[in-house]
N, C-alpha and C. Protein backbone atom coordinates (compact mmCIF):
# COMPACT_ATOMS: atom_id res chain seq x y z
N MET A 1 79.66 10.92 -54.85
CA MET A 1 78.53 10.49 -54.03
C MET A 1 78.82 10.81 -52.56
N THR A 2 77.86 11.40 -51.88
CA THR A 2 78.04 11.71 -50.47
C THR A 2 77.62 10.52 -49.61
N TRP A 3 77.90 10.61 -48.30
CA TRP A 3 77.44 9.58 -47.36
C TRP A 3 75.95 9.39 -47.49
N TRP A 4 75.20 10.51 -47.63
CA TRP A 4 73.75 10.40 -47.72
C TRP A 4 73.32 9.70 -49.00
N ASP A 5 74.03 9.97 -50.11
CA ASP A 5 73.68 9.33 -51.37
C ASP A 5 73.83 7.81 -51.28
N THR A 6 74.91 7.37 -50.65
CA THR A 6 75.26 5.95 -50.71
C THR A 6 74.63 5.12 -49.60
N ARG A 7 74.30 5.76 -48.46
CA ARG A 7 73.88 4.94 -47.32
C ARG A 7 72.49 5.25 -46.79
N THR A 8 71.98 6.43 -47.09
CA THR A 8 70.69 6.79 -46.52
C THR A 8 69.68 7.16 -47.59
N ALA A 9 70.02 8.14 -48.42
CA ALA A 9 69.05 8.62 -49.39
C ALA A 9 68.64 7.53 -50.38
N SER A 10 69.51 6.55 -50.57
CA SER A 10 69.18 5.49 -51.51
C SER A 10 68.51 4.30 -50.84
N GLY A 11 68.24 4.39 -49.52
CA GLY A 11 67.63 3.30 -48.78
C GLY A 11 66.15 3.16 -49.08
N PRO A 12 65.49 2.17 -48.41
CA PRO A 12 64.07 1.90 -48.70
C PRO A 12 63.14 2.97 -48.17
N HIS A 13 63.59 3.77 -47.21
CA HIS A 13 62.74 4.80 -46.62
C HIS A 13 63.44 6.15 -46.69
N PRO A 14 62.68 7.23 -46.83
CA PRO A 14 63.30 8.55 -46.81
C PRO A 14 64.01 8.79 -45.48
N PRO A 15 65.20 9.38 -45.48
CA PRO A 15 65.91 9.62 -44.23
C PRO A 15 65.19 10.67 -43.37
N VAL A 16 65.33 10.51 -42.06
CA VAL A 16 64.79 11.47 -41.09
C VAL A 16 65.97 12.15 -40.42
N ILE A 17 66.01 13.48 -40.51
CA ILE A 17 67.14 14.25 -39.99
C ILE A 17 66.59 15.31 -39.03
N VAL A 18 67.20 15.40 -37.84
CA VAL A 18 66.79 16.37 -36.84
C VAL A 18 67.86 17.46 -36.75
N ASP A 19 67.42 18.71 -36.88
CA ASP A 19 68.31 19.86 -36.77
C ASP A 19 68.12 20.47 -35.37
N LEU A 20 69.12 20.32 -34.51
CA LEU A 20 69.04 20.73 -33.11
C LEU A 20 69.45 22.18 -32.94
N GLY A 21 68.58 22.97 -32.29
CA GLY A 21 68.85 24.39 -32.18
C GLY A 21 68.87 25.02 -33.55
N CYS A 22 67.83 24.73 -34.33
CA CYS A 22 67.81 25.04 -35.77
C CYS A 22 67.78 26.53 -36.08
N GLY A 23 67.41 27.38 -35.08
CA GLY A 23 67.31 28.80 -35.34
C GLY A 23 66.34 29.10 -36.46
N PRO A 24 66.69 30.02 -37.35
CA PRO A 24 65.78 30.37 -38.44
C PRO A 24 65.80 29.39 -39.62
N GLY A 25 66.47 28.25 -39.45
CA GLY A 25 66.37 27.20 -40.44
C GLY A 25 67.37 27.22 -41.57
N SER A 26 68.51 27.88 -41.39
CA SER A 26 69.49 27.97 -42.48
C SER A 26 69.99 26.59 -42.89
N LEU A 27 70.43 25.79 -41.91
CA LEU A 27 70.93 24.46 -42.24
C LEU A 27 69.78 23.55 -42.66
N SER A 28 68.65 23.63 -41.99
CA SER A 28 67.49 22.81 -42.38
C SER A 28 67.12 23.04 -43.84
N ASP A 29 67.15 24.30 -44.25
CA ASP A 29 66.80 24.64 -45.63
C ASP A 29 67.80 24.02 -46.61
N ARG A 30 69.08 24.09 -46.28
CA ARG A 30 70.10 23.51 -47.16
C ARG A 30 69.96 22.00 -47.25
N LEU A 31 69.65 21.37 -46.12
CA LEU A 31 69.45 19.92 -46.13
C LEU A 31 68.24 19.54 -46.99
N ALA A 32 67.16 20.31 -46.84
CA ALA A 32 65.95 20.02 -47.61
C ALA A 32 66.19 20.17 -49.11
N ARG A 33 67.01 21.14 -49.49
CA ARG A 33 67.32 21.32 -50.91
C ARG A 33 68.23 20.20 -51.42
N ARG A 34 69.17 19.79 -50.57
CA ARG A 34 70.11 18.75 -50.98
C ARG A 34 69.45 17.37 -50.98
N LEU A 35 68.52 17.15 -50.04
CA LEU A 35 67.86 15.85 -49.89
C LEU A 35 66.35 16.06 -49.92
N PRO A 36 65.77 16.31 -51.09
CA PRO A 36 64.35 16.67 -51.17
C PRO A 36 63.40 15.59 -50.67
N ASP A 37 63.84 14.34 -50.60
CA ASP A 37 62.96 13.26 -50.12
C ASP A 37 63.04 13.07 -48.61
N ALA A 38 63.99 13.74 -47.96
CA ALA A 38 64.18 13.55 -46.53
C ALA A 38 63.12 14.27 -45.72
N GLU A 39 62.85 13.74 -44.53
CA GLU A 39 62.01 14.44 -43.56
C GLU A 39 62.94 15.21 -42.63
N ILE A 40 62.82 16.52 -42.65
CA ILE A 40 63.67 17.38 -41.84
C ILE A 40 62.84 17.93 -40.69
N ILE A 41 63.33 17.77 -39.47
CA ILE A 41 62.66 18.29 -38.28
C ILE A 41 63.59 19.30 -37.61
N GLY A 42 63.17 20.54 -37.56
CA GLY A 42 63.94 21.59 -36.91
C GLY A 42 63.43 21.84 -35.51
N VAL A 43 64.32 21.81 -34.52
CA VAL A 43 63.93 21.96 -33.11
C VAL A 43 64.65 23.16 -32.51
N ASP A 44 63.87 24.07 -31.92
CA ASP A 44 64.45 25.22 -31.24
C ASP A 44 63.47 25.71 -30.18
N ALA A 45 64.00 26.27 -29.10
CA ALA A 45 63.15 26.77 -28.02
C ALA A 45 62.66 28.18 -28.27
N ASP A 46 63.25 28.85 -29.25
CA ASP A 46 62.96 30.28 -29.47
C ASP A 46 61.80 30.44 -30.46
N PRO A 47 60.64 30.95 -30.02
CA PRO A 47 59.51 31.09 -30.94
C PRO A 47 59.77 32.07 -32.06
N LEU A 48 60.62 33.05 -31.82
CA LEU A 48 60.96 34.02 -32.86
C LEU A 48 61.73 33.34 -33.99
N LEU A 49 62.76 32.59 -33.64
CA LEU A 49 63.57 31.92 -34.66
C LEU A 49 62.77 30.84 -35.39
N VAL A 50 61.95 30.11 -34.65
CA VAL A 50 61.10 29.10 -35.28
C VAL A 50 60.12 29.76 -36.25
N GLY A 51 59.57 30.91 -35.86
CA GLY A 51 58.66 31.64 -36.75
C GLY A 51 59.36 32.07 -38.03
N LEU A 52 60.60 32.54 -37.92
CA LEU A 52 61.36 32.92 -39.11
C LEU A 52 61.61 31.71 -40.00
N GLY A 53 61.91 30.57 -39.38
CA GLY A 53 62.14 29.36 -40.16
C GLY A 53 60.90 28.92 -40.91
N ARG A 54 59.76 28.95 -40.24
CA ARG A 54 58.50 28.56 -40.91
C ARG A 54 58.19 29.50 -42.06
N ALA A 55 58.43 30.80 -41.87
CA ALA A 55 58.16 31.76 -42.94
C ALA A 55 59.08 31.53 -44.13
N ARG A 56 60.31 31.12 -43.85
CA ARG A 56 61.29 30.93 -44.92
C ARG A 56 61.06 29.62 -45.68
N CYS A 57 60.78 28.55 -44.94
CA CYS A 57 60.80 27.21 -45.53
C CYS A 57 59.43 26.62 -45.80
N GLY A 58 58.36 27.21 -45.25
CA GLY A 58 57.03 26.67 -45.47
C GLY A 58 56.91 25.27 -44.91
N ASP A 59 56.22 24.39 -45.63
CA ASP A 59 55.97 23.05 -45.12
C ASP A 59 57.03 22.04 -45.57
N ARG A 60 58.12 22.51 -46.17
CA ARG A 60 59.20 21.59 -46.55
C ARG A 60 59.91 21.03 -45.33
N ILE A 61 59.82 21.78 -44.21
CA ILE A 61 60.49 21.39 -42.98
C ILE A 61 59.48 21.49 -41.84
N ARG A 62 59.52 20.53 -40.94
CA ARG A 62 58.64 20.59 -39.77
C ARG A 62 59.40 21.22 -38.62
N PHE A 63 59.00 22.43 -38.26
CA PHE A 63 59.64 23.14 -37.16
C PHE A 63 58.85 22.90 -35.87
N VAL A 64 59.60 22.70 -34.78
CA VAL A 64 59.00 22.39 -33.49
C VAL A 64 59.65 23.25 -32.41
N GLU A 65 58.83 23.81 -31.54
CA GLU A 65 59.35 24.54 -30.38
C GLU A 65 59.55 23.56 -29.24
N ALA A 66 60.79 23.36 -28.84
CA ALA A 66 61.11 22.48 -27.72
C ALA A 66 62.48 22.88 -27.17
N ASP A 67 62.61 22.79 -25.86
CA ASP A 67 63.84 23.18 -25.17
C ASP A 67 64.76 21.97 -25.07
N LEU A 68 65.93 22.04 -25.70
CA LEU A 68 66.86 20.92 -25.70
C LEU A 68 67.44 20.64 -24.32
N ALA A 69 67.31 21.60 -23.41
CA ALA A 69 67.76 21.38 -22.04
C ALA A 69 66.77 20.56 -21.22
N ASP A 70 65.59 20.33 -21.78
CA ASP A 70 64.55 19.53 -21.14
C ASP A 70 64.62 18.11 -21.72
N SER A 71 64.82 17.11 -20.86
CA SER A 71 65.02 15.75 -21.34
C SER A 71 63.81 15.18 -22.08
N THR A 72 62.66 15.85 -21.97
CA THR A 72 61.46 15.36 -22.66
C THR A 72 61.34 15.92 -24.08
N TRP A 73 62.36 16.63 -24.55
CA TRP A 73 62.24 17.29 -25.86
C TRP A 73 61.94 16.33 -27.01
N PRO A 74 62.48 15.09 -27.04
CA PRO A 74 62.12 14.22 -28.18
C PRO A 74 60.62 13.95 -28.26
N ARG A 75 59.99 13.76 -27.11
CA ARG A 75 58.54 13.53 -27.12
C ARG A 75 57.81 14.79 -27.53
N ARG A 76 58.25 15.93 -27.00
CA ARG A 76 57.60 17.20 -27.34
C ARG A 76 57.75 17.51 -28.83
N ALA A 77 58.88 17.09 -29.40
CA ALA A 77 59.12 17.33 -30.83
C ALA A 77 58.45 16.30 -31.72
N GLY A 78 57.86 15.26 -31.11
CA GLY A 78 57.21 14.22 -31.90
C GLY A 78 58.17 13.43 -32.76
N LEU A 79 59.37 13.16 -32.24
CA LEU A 79 60.33 12.39 -33.02
C LEU A 79 59.86 10.96 -33.18
N PRO A 80 60.15 10.37 -34.34
CA PRO A 80 59.89 8.93 -34.49
C PRO A 80 60.85 8.13 -33.60
N GLU A 81 60.60 6.85 -33.46
CA GLU A 81 61.43 6.01 -32.61
C GLU A 81 62.88 5.99 -33.07
N GLN A 82 63.09 6.07 -34.39
CA GLN A 82 64.45 6.11 -34.91
C GLN A 82 64.59 7.21 -35.95
N VAL A 83 65.72 7.90 -35.91
CA VAL A 83 66.07 8.87 -36.93
C VAL A 83 67.41 8.47 -37.52
N ASP A 84 67.70 8.99 -38.70
CA ASP A 84 68.95 8.64 -39.37
C ASP A 84 70.11 9.53 -38.96
N ALA A 85 69.80 10.76 -38.62
CA ALA A 85 70.88 11.69 -38.27
C ALA A 85 70.34 12.84 -37.45
N ALA A 86 71.24 13.41 -36.65
CA ALA A 86 70.97 14.68 -35.97
C ALA A 86 72.12 15.61 -36.30
N VAL A 87 71.80 16.87 -36.54
CA VAL A 87 72.82 17.85 -36.91
C VAL A 87 72.62 19.10 -36.06
N SER A 88 73.68 19.90 -35.98
CA SER A 88 73.57 21.17 -35.25
C SER A 88 74.69 22.08 -35.70
N THR A 89 74.41 23.38 -35.75
CA THR A 89 75.45 24.36 -36.08
C THR A 89 75.41 25.52 -35.10
N THR A 90 76.53 25.76 -34.45
CA THR A 90 76.73 26.86 -33.50
C THR A 90 75.53 27.06 -32.58
N ALA A 91 75.05 25.95 -32.01
CA ALA A 91 73.83 26.04 -31.20
C ALA A 91 73.93 25.36 -29.85
N LEU A 92 74.87 24.47 -29.64
CA LEU A 92 74.87 23.68 -28.42
C LEU A 92 75.85 24.19 -27.37
N HIS A 93 76.61 25.24 -27.69
CA HIS A 93 77.60 25.74 -26.74
C HIS A 93 76.97 26.39 -25.50
N TRP A 94 75.68 26.71 -25.58
CA TRP A 94 75.03 27.34 -24.42
C TRP A 94 74.52 26.32 -23.41
N LEU A 95 74.50 25.04 -23.76
CA LEU A 95 74.05 24.01 -22.83
C LEU A 95 75.13 23.74 -21.78
N GLU A 96 74.71 23.59 -20.53
CA GLU A 96 75.64 23.19 -19.48
C GLU A 96 76.11 21.75 -19.73
N PRO A 97 77.30 21.38 -19.26
CA PRO A 97 77.81 20.03 -19.52
C PRO A 97 76.83 18.92 -19.14
N ALA A 98 76.16 19.05 -17.99
CA ALA A 98 75.20 18.01 -17.59
C ALA A 98 74.02 17.96 -18.54
N GLN A 99 73.58 19.12 -19.05
CA GLN A 99 72.48 19.15 -20.01
C GLN A 99 72.91 18.54 -21.34
N LEU A 100 74.15 18.81 -21.73
CA LEU A 100 74.66 18.25 -22.98
C LEU A 100 74.81 16.73 -22.87
N GLU A 101 75.25 16.26 -21.73
CA GLU A 101 75.35 14.82 -21.50
C GLU A 101 73.98 14.16 -21.63
N GLU A 102 72.96 14.80 -21.07
CA GLU A 102 71.60 14.27 -21.17
C GLU A 102 71.11 14.30 -22.63
N LEU A 103 71.41 15.38 -23.34
CA LEU A 103 71.02 15.49 -24.75
C LEU A 103 71.63 14.38 -25.57
N TYR A 104 72.92 14.11 -25.37
CA TYR A 104 73.59 13.07 -26.14
C TYR A 104 73.02 11.69 -25.81
N ALA A 105 72.63 11.48 -24.55
CA ALA A 105 72.01 10.21 -24.19
C ALA A 105 70.69 10.02 -24.92
N ARG A 106 69.89 11.08 -25.02
CA ARG A 106 68.61 11.00 -25.72
C ARG A 106 68.85 10.76 -27.22
N LEU A 107 69.88 11.39 -27.79
CA LEU A 107 70.18 11.17 -29.20
C LEU A 107 70.59 9.73 -29.46
N ALA A 108 71.39 9.17 -28.55
CA ALA A 108 71.84 7.79 -28.72
C ALA A 108 70.67 6.82 -28.72
N GLU A 109 69.61 7.17 -28.02
CA GLU A 109 68.42 6.33 -28.00
C GLU A 109 67.64 6.38 -29.32
N ARG A 110 67.75 7.51 -30.01
CA ARG A 110 66.91 7.72 -31.20
C ARG A 110 67.63 7.48 -32.52
N ILE A 111 68.93 7.75 -32.58
CA ILE A 111 69.65 7.59 -33.84
C ILE A 111 69.88 6.10 -34.10
N ARG A 112 69.54 5.67 -35.28
CA ARG A 112 69.64 4.25 -35.62
C ARG A 112 71.11 3.81 -35.67
N PRO A 113 71.38 2.51 -35.49
CA PRO A 113 72.75 2.02 -35.65
C PRO A 113 73.31 2.40 -37.02
N GLY A 114 74.48 2.99 -37.03
CA GLY A 114 75.07 3.46 -38.28
C GLY A 114 74.73 4.89 -38.62
N GLY A 115 73.74 5.45 -37.91
CA GLY A 115 73.39 6.85 -38.11
C GLY A 115 74.43 7.77 -37.49
N VAL A 116 74.28 9.07 -37.72
CA VAL A 116 75.32 9.99 -37.29
C VAL A 116 74.75 11.21 -36.57
N PHE A 117 75.60 11.78 -35.72
CA PHE A 117 75.37 13.10 -35.15
C PHE A 117 76.50 13.98 -35.67
N VAL A 118 76.16 15.14 -36.24
CA VAL A 118 77.15 16.06 -36.79
C VAL A 118 76.97 17.42 -36.13
N ASN A 119 78.01 17.88 -35.47
CA ASN A 119 77.95 19.14 -34.74
C ASN A 119 79.04 20.09 -35.25
N ALA A 120 78.63 21.22 -35.80
CA ALA A 120 79.56 22.26 -36.23
C ALA A 120 79.46 23.42 -35.25
N ASP A 121 80.56 23.72 -34.57
CA ASP A 121 80.48 24.74 -33.53
C ASP A 121 81.88 25.27 -33.23
N HIS A 122 81.88 26.38 -32.46
CA HIS A 122 83.13 26.92 -31.94
C HIS A 122 83.44 26.15 -30.66
N LEU A 123 84.46 25.31 -30.68
CA LEU A 123 84.79 24.47 -29.54
C LEU A 123 86.06 24.98 -28.86
N HIS A 124 86.03 24.96 -27.56
CA HIS A 124 87.12 25.52 -26.75
C HIS A 124 88.43 24.77 -26.99
N ILE A 125 89.52 25.52 -27.06
CA ILE A 125 90.86 24.95 -27.12
C ILE A 125 91.55 25.32 -25.81
N ALA A 126 91.85 24.32 -25.01
CA ALA A 126 92.26 24.55 -23.62
C ALA A 126 93.67 25.13 -23.50
N THR A 127 94.58 24.78 -24.41
CA THR A 127 95.97 25.24 -24.29
C THR A 127 96.08 26.66 -24.82
N PRO A 128 96.63 27.60 -24.01
CA PRO A 128 96.62 29.02 -24.39
C PRO A 128 97.34 29.33 -25.70
N ALA A 129 98.52 28.77 -25.90
CA ALA A 129 99.29 29.10 -27.11
C ALA A 129 98.57 28.60 -28.36
N VAL A 130 98.08 27.35 -28.31
CA VAL A 130 97.35 26.81 -29.46
C VAL A 130 96.04 27.57 -29.65
N GLY A 131 95.39 27.94 -28.54
CA GLY A 131 94.17 28.73 -28.64
C GLY A 131 94.40 30.06 -29.34
N GLU A 132 95.50 30.71 -29.04
CA GLU A 132 95.83 31.98 -29.70
C GLU A 132 96.11 31.75 -31.18
N LEU A 133 96.82 30.68 -31.51
CA LEU A 133 97.05 30.37 -32.93
C LEU A 133 95.73 30.11 -33.65
N ALA A 134 94.81 29.42 -32.97
CA ALA A 134 93.51 29.14 -33.57
C ALA A 134 92.75 30.43 -33.86
N ARG A 135 92.81 31.38 -32.93
CA ARG A 135 92.14 32.66 -33.16
C ARG A 135 92.75 33.39 -34.36
N ARG A 136 94.06 33.31 -34.51
CA ARG A 136 94.71 33.96 -35.64
C ARG A 136 94.34 33.27 -36.96
N VAL A 137 94.26 31.95 -36.91
CA VAL A 137 93.84 31.22 -38.11
C VAL A 137 92.43 31.62 -38.52
N SER A 138 91.53 31.71 -37.55
CA SER A 138 90.14 32.10 -37.84
C SER A 138 90.07 33.50 -38.43
N ALA A 139 90.84 34.43 -37.84
CA ALA A 139 90.83 35.81 -38.33
C ALA A 139 91.40 35.90 -39.73
N SER A 140 92.47 35.15 -40.00
CA SER A 140 93.09 35.17 -41.33
C SER A 140 92.16 34.56 -42.37
N ARG A 141 91.47 33.49 -41.99
CA ARG A 141 90.55 32.86 -42.93
C ARG A 141 89.39 33.80 -43.25
N ALA A 142 88.85 34.49 -42.23
CA ALA A 142 87.76 35.44 -42.47
C ALA A 142 88.19 36.55 -43.41
N ALA A 143 89.41 37.05 -43.22
CA ALA A 143 89.91 38.10 -44.10
C ALA A 143 90.13 37.57 -45.51
N ARG A 144 90.62 36.35 -45.62
CA ARG A 144 90.92 35.78 -46.94
C ARG A 144 89.65 35.56 -47.76
N VAL A 145 88.57 35.14 -47.11
CA VAL A 145 87.33 34.88 -47.86
C VAL A 145 86.43 36.12 -47.91
N GLY A 146 86.86 37.22 -47.28
CA GLY A 146 86.15 38.48 -47.42
C GLY A 146 84.87 38.61 -46.63
N VAL A 147 84.84 38.07 -45.39
CA VAL A 147 83.61 38.14 -44.60
C VAL A 147 83.76 38.99 -43.34
N THR A 148 84.87 39.70 -43.23
CA THR A 148 85.10 40.48 -42.01
C THR A 148 84.10 41.62 -41.84
N GLU A 149 83.51 42.08 -42.94
CA GLU A 149 82.54 43.17 -42.86
C GLU A 149 81.10 42.67 -42.83
N ASN A 150 80.91 41.37 -42.79
CA ASN A 150 79.55 40.82 -42.74
C ASN A 150 78.84 41.21 -41.45
N GLU A 151 77.53 41.24 -41.52
CA GLU A 151 76.73 41.53 -40.34
C GLU A 151 76.99 40.48 -39.27
N GLY A 152 77.24 40.95 -38.04
CA GLY A 152 77.51 40.04 -36.94
C GLY A 152 76.23 39.58 -36.27
N TRP A 153 76.38 38.65 -35.32
CA TRP A 153 75.24 38.10 -34.59
C TRP A 153 74.49 39.19 -33.84
N ARG A 154 75.23 40.08 -33.16
CA ARG A 154 74.58 41.14 -32.40
C ARG A 154 73.79 42.07 -33.31
N GLU A 155 74.39 42.46 -34.43
CA GLU A 155 73.70 43.37 -35.36
C GLU A 155 72.46 42.70 -35.95
N TRP A 156 72.58 41.42 -36.25
CA TRP A 156 71.43 40.68 -36.79
C TRP A 156 70.27 40.70 -35.81
N TRP A 157 70.57 40.41 -34.54
CA TRP A 157 69.52 40.39 -33.53
C TRP A 157 68.91 41.76 -33.33
N GLU A 158 69.72 42.80 -33.35
CA GLU A 158 69.19 44.16 -33.18
C GLU A 158 68.21 44.49 -34.29
N GLY A 159 68.54 44.08 -35.52
CA GLY A 159 67.64 44.31 -36.64
C GLY A 159 66.34 43.55 -36.52
N VAL A 160 66.43 42.29 -36.09
CA VAL A 160 65.24 41.47 -35.92
C VAL A 160 64.33 42.03 -34.84
N LEU A 161 64.91 42.40 -33.71
CA LEU A 161 64.12 42.89 -32.59
C LEU A 161 63.46 44.24 -32.88
N ALA A 162 64.02 44.98 -33.83
CA ALA A 162 63.45 46.29 -34.17
C ALA A 162 62.41 46.22 -35.29
N ASP A 163 62.23 45.05 -35.88
CA ASP A 163 61.29 44.89 -37.01
C ASP A 163 59.86 44.81 -36.48
N ARG A 164 59.01 45.75 -36.88
CA ARG A 164 57.64 45.79 -36.37
C ARG A 164 56.82 44.58 -36.79
N VAL A 165 57.10 44.03 -37.97
CA VAL A 165 56.36 42.86 -38.44
C VAL A 165 56.57 41.68 -37.49
N LEU A 166 57.74 41.62 -36.89
CA LEU A 166 58.07 40.51 -36.01
C LEU A 166 57.71 40.77 -34.55
N ALA A 167 57.07 41.89 -34.28
CA ALA A 167 56.79 42.28 -32.90
C ALA A 167 56.05 41.22 -32.09
N PRO A 168 55.02 40.54 -32.64
CA PRO A 168 54.34 39.50 -31.84
C PRO A 168 55.27 38.37 -31.42
N LEU A 169 56.15 37.95 -32.32
CA LEU A 169 57.09 36.90 -31.98
C LEU A 169 58.14 37.39 -30.98
N VAL A 170 58.54 38.65 -31.13
CA VAL A 170 59.48 39.24 -30.17
C VAL A 170 58.86 39.28 -28.78
N ASP A 171 57.58 39.67 -28.72
CA ASP A 171 56.89 39.71 -27.42
C ASP A 171 56.80 38.32 -26.81
N GLU A 172 56.50 37.31 -27.63
CA GLU A 172 56.42 35.94 -27.12
C GLU A 172 57.79 35.48 -26.62
N ARG A 173 58.82 35.83 -27.33
CA ARG A 173 60.17 35.48 -26.92
C ARG A 173 60.51 36.12 -25.58
N SER A 174 60.11 37.38 -25.40
CA SER A 174 60.37 38.08 -24.16
C SER A 174 59.66 37.43 -22.99
N ARG A 175 58.44 36.96 -23.24
CA ARG A 175 57.69 36.30 -22.17
C ARG A 175 58.36 35.01 -21.70
N ARG A 176 59.08 34.38 -22.62
CA ARG A 176 59.73 33.12 -22.26
C ARG A 176 61.17 33.30 -21.79
N THR A 177 61.64 34.56 -21.78
CA THR A 177 63.01 34.89 -21.35
C THR A 177 64.04 33.98 -22.02
N ILE A 178 63.94 33.89 -23.35
CA ILE A 178 64.90 33.08 -24.11
C ILE A 178 66.26 33.75 -24.12
N ASP A 179 67.30 32.98 -23.84
CA ASP A 179 68.66 33.51 -23.85
C ASP A 179 69.56 32.58 -24.64
N HIS A 180 70.21 33.13 -25.69
CA HIS A 180 71.11 32.33 -26.51
C HIS A 180 72.58 32.64 -26.21
N GLY A 181 72.84 33.32 -25.12
CA GLY A 181 74.21 33.68 -24.81
C GLY A 181 74.92 32.59 -24.04
N GLY A 182 76.21 32.85 -23.73
CA GLY A 182 76.96 31.93 -22.90
C GLY A 182 77.71 30.89 -23.70
N ALA A 183 78.65 30.24 -23.03
CA ALA A 183 79.44 29.18 -23.65
C ALA A 183 79.85 28.21 -22.56
N ASN A 184 79.77 26.91 -22.85
CA ASN A 184 80.08 25.91 -21.82
C ASN A 184 81.56 25.61 -21.70
N GLY A 185 82.39 26.12 -22.63
CA GLY A 185 83.83 25.93 -22.52
C GLY A 185 84.32 24.52 -22.80
N LEU A 186 83.50 23.69 -23.43
CA LEU A 186 83.90 22.31 -23.70
C LEU A 186 84.72 22.21 -24.98
N SER A 187 85.70 21.35 -24.95
CA SER A 187 86.55 21.12 -26.11
C SER A 187 86.00 19.98 -26.97
N ALA A 188 86.62 19.76 -28.12
CA ALA A 188 86.22 18.63 -28.96
C ALA A 188 86.42 17.31 -28.21
N ASP A 189 87.50 17.22 -27.43
CA ASP A 189 87.73 16.01 -26.64
C ASP A 189 86.64 15.81 -25.60
N ASP A 190 86.19 16.92 -24.98
CA ASP A 190 85.11 16.83 -23.99
C ASP A 190 83.83 16.31 -24.64
N HIS A 191 83.48 16.86 -25.80
CA HIS A 191 82.29 16.40 -26.52
C HIS A 191 82.44 14.92 -26.89
N GLY A 192 83.64 14.55 -27.34
CA GLY A 192 83.87 13.16 -27.72
C GLY A 192 83.65 12.22 -26.56
N ALA A 193 84.14 12.61 -25.38
CA ALA A 193 83.97 11.75 -24.21
C ALA A 193 82.49 11.60 -23.86
N LEU A 194 81.73 12.68 -23.95
CA LEU A 194 80.30 12.62 -23.64
C LEU A 194 79.55 11.77 -24.66
N LEU A 195 79.94 11.87 -25.92
CA LEU A 195 79.27 11.09 -26.96
C LEU A 195 79.58 9.60 -26.80
N ARG A 196 80.82 9.26 -26.50
CA ARG A 196 81.16 7.85 -26.29
C ARG A 196 80.43 7.29 -25.07
N LYS A 197 80.35 8.09 -24.02
CA LYS A 197 79.63 7.66 -22.82
C LYS A 197 78.16 7.40 -23.14
N ALA A 198 77.61 8.20 -24.06
CA ALA A 198 76.20 8.04 -24.43
C ALA A 198 75.96 6.80 -25.28
N GLY A 199 77.01 6.29 -25.93
CA GLY A 199 76.85 5.08 -26.73
C GLY A 199 77.24 5.21 -28.19
N PHE A 200 77.87 6.32 -28.58
CA PHE A 200 78.35 6.46 -29.95
C PHE A 200 79.65 5.67 -30.10
N SER A 201 79.74 4.87 -31.15
CA SER A 201 80.87 3.95 -31.30
C SER A 201 82.13 4.63 -31.79
N GLU A 202 81.98 5.64 -32.62
CA GLU A 202 83.13 6.37 -33.16
C GLU A 202 82.85 7.86 -33.09
N VAL A 203 83.86 8.62 -32.72
CA VAL A 203 83.73 10.08 -32.65
C VAL A 203 85.02 10.69 -33.17
N GLY A 204 84.91 11.72 -33.99
CA GLY A 204 86.11 12.38 -34.47
C GLY A 204 85.80 13.70 -35.14
N THR A 205 86.82 14.55 -35.23
CA THR A 205 86.71 15.82 -35.94
C THR A 205 87.03 15.60 -37.40
N VAL A 206 86.09 15.94 -38.28
CA VAL A 206 86.30 15.73 -39.72
C VAL A 206 86.73 17.01 -40.43
N TRP A 207 86.60 18.13 -39.74
CA TRP A 207 87.05 19.41 -40.32
C TRP A 207 87.33 20.38 -39.19
N GLN A 208 88.38 21.20 -39.34
CA GLN A 208 88.68 22.22 -38.34
C GLN A 208 89.40 23.38 -39.00
N SER A 209 89.01 24.59 -38.60
CA SER A 209 89.74 25.80 -38.97
C SER A 209 89.72 26.71 -37.75
N GLY A 210 90.86 26.90 -37.12
CA GLY A 210 90.88 27.62 -35.85
C GLY A 210 90.10 26.86 -34.80
N ASP A 211 89.18 27.55 -34.12
CA ASP A 211 88.36 26.84 -33.13
C ASP A 211 87.03 26.36 -33.72
N ASP A 212 86.83 26.55 -35.02
CA ASP A 212 85.65 26.03 -35.70
C ASP A 212 85.87 24.54 -36.00
N HIS A 213 84.97 23.71 -35.48
CA HIS A 213 85.10 22.26 -35.65
C HIS A 213 83.81 21.70 -36.27
N VAL A 214 83.97 20.63 -37.03
CA VAL A 214 82.85 19.77 -37.39
C VAL A 214 83.15 18.41 -36.77
N LEU A 215 82.36 18.07 -35.75
CA LEU A 215 82.56 16.84 -34.99
C LEU A 215 81.48 15.85 -35.37
N VAL A 216 81.87 14.60 -35.62
CA VAL A 216 80.92 13.58 -36.04
C VAL A 216 80.97 12.42 -35.05
N GLY A 217 79.78 11.97 -34.63
CA GLY A 217 79.66 10.77 -33.85
C GLY A 217 78.84 9.74 -34.62
N VAL A 218 79.33 8.50 -34.70
CA VAL A 218 78.63 7.43 -35.40
C VAL A 218 77.99 6.53 -34.36
N ARG A 219 76.70 6.30 -34.52
CA ARG A 219 75.99 5.48 -33.55
C ARG A 219 76.25 4.00 -33.80
């Protein structure tokens, strides 16, 4: 039994889960399949990625265009007063520290007591020697599981931008000057400090391989 089976999915109301920086909906789709009774809300500022998510998932997931760097995003996304969880994968590293602090404060207001925030991302390792070891661990793991030849992020974007069917969404994205690049350089400890400041009672890394972390905050 998972945490969701024992504490949320079996409760009196279907769980509400927010996917932050949901992109084309990969994680949202997996959550919807795993928890078919849950209400999944995917939030992203990129109209192209949101369009891909809607095409992939249909009405099983509610996708919303909203900028997480804007403190009004919960209202723009139509979030209920309380949600059970917020999740994110490789999406929050582009936020500046002050923007991330504001985001965590807004999450603390919405996630119910006992609810969770789960963030899977590449988190900075400040010490050079350990950072180099982490890079080697990541490279070895990729080779071991056979994904070194997989399409990369840059190649994926080049293919999407060249697809004529997606041209209207590409044009809309260009008008909004959406940029998914950059990294804030924050470590797991930095994220933990921001989450505790926001009001999360417990924060910890539940999985790590190299610089890939799954960080959980309990409200």
